[in-house]
Amino acid sequence: MTTISPNAVSARHHDAAPTTRAWVEHIMGMPISVHVRADDPRRTDVEAAVATAFADLRRADDLFSTWNPNSALMLARAGTETAVCDPWRDEVADWCVSAAETTDGLFTTDLIGPDGSRGWDPTGLVKGWAVTVAARHLRHVPGASFSINAGGDILCGRGPRTPAQPWRIGIQDPADPHTVAATVEVVDGAVATSGASARGAHIVDPRDGGTVDHPGSVTVTGPDLVWCDIWATVSFIDPEALTRHPHGQVYRRLILG
C-alpha cells in the first residue's frame, strides 16, 4: 500500500507554497483520492476537472468490474451480452495483449472471477489504465499539480505553467501496515505496489495456475502507471522479470519483506 503526503514541498518553496485540497470517492470497491495543489484549489476549473476524472473512473468500473454482476464485462462473460461494445474495451484489450507479450506470458487475463466463472479479466492493469485516463483532465488545468491514489496505484502530474514540486509517496511495510518502510518523491510519474499482505493470495502465476502467496511486496516506479501496475504484479510473481527486460532501465522496483 502507498500513501501520499500533501506537504511534500521542499523548503526552498515554502514561502510560496500553494494549497492542497483532497477529494475522495468510493469506486472500484476502494476509496480513490485526488489531491490537487494549486494557488486556489477551489477554482471552478479544478473542481470541474476533478469531477470529470471521477466520472471516468466510474465509467471504467461500470465496464470492467468483476465484482459487479451487472458490469458490461461480467454480463458478457455470463453470455447476457455477446461483447463489450465500447472503444475503451478495445484499448484495454490491446494493453493486455502488449502486457502478455512484453512479460513473456507472466501477465495473464485468463482468470477465475469472484463468481467462480473463468474468462477474460483485465484486472491486472485496468485500475492503472483507468487512473491514467482520468488524469488527462487534470493535466489541462494550468497552475495545478495532482496526485491520484487508487488502492496504492498512484499517478502524479501537473498542468501547464506549474512548478515541478514533488509529491512524497510513502511505501507501506508489508509486515506492519502502520509503518512506512520507504518513501519516494514524484513530480511527473507513477508508483504501483503489489503483494499479498492486504488482499491475500490473489495474484495468479500463469505458469502453474496457482496463486502467489509469499510475504513481502514489490513497488515499481516509472513514467507510466499502466506499466508500473503490470510490472509490480509480474515482479511479485518473478522478482527478476523486470531486470531481464529493457523496461528495467526506466522502471525501478523496490522489494520489501
Foldseek 3Di string as FASTA:
>chain_A
DKDWDPPQFDPVCVVVFFDKDKDWDQALNRIKMKIKGFNDCVDPLNVVLLVQLVVLRNLLCLAARLVDCNRVVNCCLVVVDVHRPDVVVVVLVVVQVVLCVQLVNQRDQQDQGPVRGTDGHSVLQSVLVSNVVSCVSQQQDPRMKMWMQDPQKIFTEHHPPHDQGWIKMFDAALVDRVDGPDIDTDRGWIKHKDDQSPPHFDQAGVVVRDTQGDTWMKMKIFRGSRVRSSCRSSCSVPVCSLVVGPCVVGMPMDIHD
